[in-house]
């Protein structure tokens, strides 16, 4: 489960930030070799974001993708084409999918740079007033 890897990486980062002053009750055999760089590199190489928000997009996958996107955003590796995929995933889709994608974007906002937020804002500005809905 990718979310388990993300959780492990976050715990390791928190541990390293506090220079070992935190004791974890949970350890895993992945703890010795998995880190932000490894996981984000793997996510990019395997095209996970492209898969999640491409043709195979599914509501349950979108719900579970937030942690992955936040990790990539935090590490500065979420690129504009990833944001384009995310944005396009909400276009001309069922309201449920649009709502999930917008929730994902909202959760991502605090993990990306101001430049990326401005990029997303430019997308919002392109929405015609008549096309606004309660979920927009």
C-alpha atoms as a PDB file:
ATOM      1  CA  UNK A   1       0.000   0.000   0.000  1.00  0.00           C
ATOM      2  CA  UNK A   2       1.566   3.274  -1.130  1.00  0.00           C
ATOM      3  CA  UNK A   3      -0.062   5.165   1.714  1.00  0.00           C
ATOM      4  CA  UNK A   4       1.871   2.965   4.168  1.00  0.00           C
ATOM      5  CA  UNK A   5       5.138   3.968   2.475  1.00  0.00           C
ATOM      6  CA  UNK A   6       4.164   7.633   2.635  1.00  0.00           C
ATOM      7  CA  UNK A   7       3.317   7.254   6.338  1.00  0.00           C
ATOM      8  CA  UNK A   8       6.710   5.648   7.007  1.00  0.00           C
ATOM      9  CA  UNK A   9       8.541   8.416   5.145  1.00  0.00           C
ATOM     10  CA  UNK A  10       6.672  11.077   7.107  1.00  0.00           C
ATOM     11  CA  UNK A  11       7.521   9.391  10.406  1.00  0.00           C
ATOM     12  CA  UNK A  12      11.172   9.132   9.422  1.00  0.00           C
ATOM     13  CA  UNK A  13      11.242  12.805   8.425  1.00  0.00           C
ATOM     14  CA  UNK A  14       9.653  13.808  11.730  1.00  0.00           C
ATOM     15  CA  UNK A  15      12.148  11.631  13.604  1.00  0.00           C
ATOM     16  CA  UNK A  16      15.085  13.173  11.756  1.00  0.00           C
ATOM     17  CA  UNK A  17      13.706  16.683  12.314  1.00  0.00           C
ATOM     18  CA  UNK A  18      13.740  16.110  16.058  1.00  0.00           C
ATOM     19  CA  UNK A  19      17.172  14.475  15.958  1.00  0.00           C
ATOM     20  CA  UNK A  20      16.003  11.184  17.368  1.00  0.00           C
ATOM     21  CA  UNK A  21      14.222  12.649  20.412  1.00  0.00           C
ATOM     22  CA  UNK A  22      10.960  10.975  19.404  1.00  0.00           C
ATOM     23  CA  UNK A  23      10.415   7.288  20.040  1.00  0.00           C
ATOM     24  CA  UNK A  24       8.239   5.435  17.586  1.00  0.00           C
ATOM     25  CA  UNK A  25       6.204   2.483  18.716  1.00  0.00           C
ATOM     26  CA  UNK A  26       6.028   1.313  15.119  1.00  0.00           C
ATOM     27  CA  UNK A  27       8.907   0.053  13.041  1.00  0.00           C
ATOM     28  CA  UNK A  28       8.963  -1.620   9.694  1.00  0.00           C
ATOM     29  CA  UNK A  29      11.459  -3.547   7.608  1.00  0.00           C
ATOM     30  CA  UNK A  30      11.175  -0.653   5.118  1.00  0.00           C
ATOM     31  CA  UNK A  31      12.559   1.844   7.644  1.00  0.00           C
ATOM     32  CA  UNK A  32      16.181   1.137   6.765  1.00  0.00           C
ATOM     33  CA  UNK A  33      16.081   2.045   3.100  1.00  0.00           C
ATOM     34  CA  UNK A  34      12.968   3.993   2.212  1.00  0.00           C
ATOM     35  CA  UNK A  35      13.085   7.782   2.274  1.00  0.00           C
ATOM     36  CA  UNK A  36      11.483  10.768   0.545  1.00  0.00           C
ATOM     37  CA  UNK A  37      13.869  10.745  -2.382  1.00  0.00           C
ATOM     38  CA  UNK A  38      13.490   7.035  -3.036  1.00  0.00           C
ATOM     39  CA  UNK A  39       9.707   7.061  -2.830  1.00  0.00           C
ATOM     40  CA  UNK A  40       9.162  10.216  -4.890  1.00  0.00           C
ATOM     41  CA  UNK A  41      11.624   8.995  -7.529  1.00  0.00           C
ATOM     42  CA  UNK A  42       9.774   5.689  -7.702  1.00  0.00           C
ATOM     43  CA  UNK A  43       6.388   7.455  -7.975  1.00  0.00           C
ATOM     44  CA  UNK A  44       7.675   9.555 -10.873  1.00  0.00           C
ATOM     45  CA  UNK A  45       9.368   6.646 -12.679  1.00  0.00           C
ATOM     46  CA  UNK A  46       6.256   4.510 -12.459  1.00  0.00           C
ATOM     47  CA  UNK A  47       3.942   7.330 -13.560  1.00  0.00           C
ATOM     48  CA  UNK A  48       1.685   6.905 -10.536  1.00  0.00           C
ATOM     49  CA  UNK A  49       0.088  10.363 -10.798  1.00  0.00           C
ATOM     50  CA  UNK A  50      -0.523   9.826 -14.504  1.00  0.00           C
ATOM     51  CA  UNK A  51      -2.181   6.501 -13.696  1.00  0.00           C
ATOM     52  CA  UNK A  52      -4.294   7.864 -10.831  1.00  0.00           C
ATOM     53  CA  UNK A  53      -5.663  10.790 -12.830  1.00  0.00           C
ATOM     54  CA  UNK A  54      -5.574   9.306 -16.317  1.00  0.00           C
ATOM     55  CA  UNK A  55      -7.912   6.952 -18.120  1.00  0.00           C
ATOM     56  CA  UNK A  56      -8.029   4.551 -15.169  1.00  0.00           C
ATOM     57  CA  UNK A  57      -9.196   7.224 -12.745  1.00  0.00           C
ATOM     58  CA  UNK A  58     -11.543   5.940 -10.061  1.00  0.00           C
ATOM     59  CA  UNK A  59     -13.159   7.687  -7.089  1.00  0.00           C
ATOM     60  CA  UNK A  60     -11.479   5.416  -4.524  1.00  0.00           C
ATOM     61  CA  UNK A  61      -8.057   6.011  -6.065  1.00  0.00           C
ATOM     62  CA  UNK A  62      -8.597   9.763  -5.959  1.00  0.00           C
ATOM     63  CA  UNK A  63      -9.557   9.577  -2.278  1.00  0.00           C
ATOM     64  CA  UNK A  64      -6.333   7.738  -1.501  1.00  0.00           C
ATOM     65  CA  UNK A  65      -4.044   9.849  -3.662  1.00  0.00           C
ATOM     66  CA  UNK A  66      -3.826  12.938  -1.453  1.00  0.00           C
ATOM     67  CA  UNK A  67      -0.900  11.640   0.623  1.00  0.00           C
ATOM     68  CA  UNK A  68       1.084  10.841  -2.507  1.00  0.00           C
ATOM     69  CA  UNK A  69       0.494  14.268  -4.023  1.00  0.00           C
ATOM     70  CA  UNK A  70       1.337  15.999  -0.743  1.00  0.00           C
ATOM     71  CA  UNK A  71       4.613  14.076  -0.485  1.00  0.00           C
ATOM     72  CA  UNK A  72       5.554  15.049  -4.027  1.00  0.00           C
ATOM     73  CA  UNK A  73       4.521  18.652  -3.389  1.00  0.00           C
ATOM     74  CA  UNK A  74       6.469  18.859  -0.138  1.00  0.00           C
ATOM     75  CA  UNK A  75       9.569  17.615  -1.949  1.00  0.00           C
ATOM     76  CA  UNK A  76       9.099  20.113  -4.779  1.00  0.00           C
ATOM     77  CA  UNK A  77       8.582  17.380  -7.342  1.00  0.00           C
ATOM     78  CA  UNK A  78       4.981  17.987  -8.278  1.00  0.00           C
ATOM     79  CA  UNK A  79       5.242  19.483 -11.734  1.00  0.00           C
ATOM     80  CA  UNK A  80       2.790  21.564 -13.745  1.00  0.00           C
ATOM     81  CA  UNK A  81       1.885  18.585 -15.910  1.00  0.00           C
ATOM     82  CA  UNK A  82       0.818  16.755 -12.717  1.00  0.00           C
ATOM     83  CA  UNK A  83      -1.364  19.720 -11.805  1.00  0.00           C
ATOM     84  CA  UNK A  84      -2.755  19.704 -15.345  1.00  0.00           C
ATOM     85  CA  UNK A  85      -3.716  16.049 -14.937  1.00  0.00           C
ATOM     86  CA  UNK A  86      -5.375  16.825 -11.641  1.00  0.00           C
ATOM     87  CA  UNK A  87      -7.219  19.790 -13.127  1.00  0.00           C
ATOM     88  CA  UNK A  88      -8.321  17.873 -16.211  1.00  0.00           C
ATOM     89  CA  UNK A  89      -9.576  15.056 -13.988  1.00  0.00           C
ATOM     90  CA  UNK A  90     -12.283  17.420 -12.764  1.00  0.00           C
ATOM     91  CA  UNK A  91     -13.350  18.575 -16.232  1.00  0.00           C
ATOM     92  CA  UNK A  92     -16.532  17.133 -17.707  1.00  0.00           C
ATOM     93  CA  UNK A  93     -16.764  14.452 -15.038  1.00  0.00           C
ATOM     94  CA  UNK A  94     -19.501  13.352 -12.691  1.00  0.00           C
ATOM     95  CA  UNK A  95     -20.049  15.683  -9.749  1.00  0.00           C
ATOM     96  CA  UNK A  96     -18.666  13.073  -7.327  1.00  0.00           C
ATOM     97  CA  UNK A  97     -15.362  12.929  -9.188  1.00  0.00           C
ATOM     98  CA  UNK A  98     -15.166  16.725  -9.479  1.00  0.00           C
ATOM     99  CA  UNK A  99     -15.786  17.077  -5.741  1.00  0.00           C
ATOM    100  CA  UNK A 100     -13.067  14.534  -4.891  1.00  0.00           C
ATOM    101  CA  UNK A 101     -10.565  16.241  -7.179  1.00  0.00           C
ATOM    102  CA  UNK A 102     -11.339  19.662  -5.675  1.00  0.00           C
ATOM    103  CA  UNK A 103     -10.868  18.190  -2.179  1.00  0.00           C
ATOM    104  CA  UNK A 104      -7.541  16.798  -3.307  1.00  0.00           C
ATOM    105  CA  UNK A 105      -6.461  20.198  -4.667  1.00  0.00           C
ATOM    106  CA  UNK A 106      -7.522  21.871  -1.417  1.00  0.00           C
ATOM    107  CA  UNK A 107      -5.526  19.378   0.673  1.00  0.00           C
ATOM    108  CA  UNK A 108      -2.542  19.843  -1.619  1.00  0.00           C
ATOM    109  CA  UNK A 109      -2.449  23.645  -1.376  1.00  0.00           C
ATOM    110  CA  UNK A 110      -0.417  23.788   1.846  1.00  0.00           C
ATOM    111  CA  UNK A 111       2.200  21.418   0.390  1.00  0.00           C
ATOM    112  CA  UNK A 112       3.079  23.226  -2.831  1.00  0.00           C
ATOM    113  CA  UNK A 113       4.912  26.415  -3.659  1.00  0.00           C
ATOM    114  CA  UNK A 114       3.259  29.775  -4.225  1.00  0.00           C
ATOM    115  CA  UNK A 115       4.204  29.402  -7.892  1.00  0.00           C
ATOM    116  CA  UNK A 116       2.171  26.187  -8.151  1.00  0.00           C
ATOM    117  CA  UNK A 117      -0.769  27.794  -6.345  1.00  0.00           C
ATOM    118  CA  UNK A 118      -0.639  30.662  -8.831  1.00  0.00           C
ATOM    119  CA  UNK A 119      -0.587  28.115 -11.647  1.00  0.00           C
ATOM    120  CA  UNK A 120      -3.746  26.481 -10.286  1.00  0.00           C
ATOM    121  CA  UNK A 121      -5.316  29.893  -9.746  1.00  0.00           C
ATOM    122  CA  UNK A 122      -4.743  30.706 -13.398  1.00  0.00           C
ATOM    123  CA  UNK A 123      -6.791  27.595 -14.182  1.00  0.00           C
ATOM    124  CA  UNK A 124      -9.611  28.798 -11.922  1.00  0.00           C
ATOM    125  CA  UNK A 125      -9.591  32.179 -13.645  1.00  0.00           C
ATOM    126  CA  UNK A 126     -10.245  30.458 -16.971  1.00  0.00           C
ATOM    127  CA  UNK A 127     -13.593  29.086 -15.774  1.00  0.00           C
ATOM    128  CA  UNK A 128     -16.426  31.047 -17.301  1.00  0.00           C
ATOM    129  CA  UNK A 129     -18.859  32.507 -14.813  1.00  0.00           C
ATOM    130  CA  UNK A 130     -21.775  30.548 -16.280  1.00  0.00           C
ATOM    131  CA  UNK A 131     -19.839  27.306 -15.651  1.00  0.00           C
ATOM    132  CA  UNK A 132     -19.364  27.871 -11.915  1.00  0.00           C
ATOM    133  CA  UNK A 133     -21.100  25.388  -9.653  1.00  0.00           C
ATOM    134  CA  UNK A 134     -21.344  24.962  -5.889  1.00  0.00           C
ATOM    135  CA  UNK A 135     -18.354  22.589  -5.973  1.00  0.00           C
ATOM    136  CA  UNK A 136     -16.213  25.005  -8.024  1.00  0.00           C
END
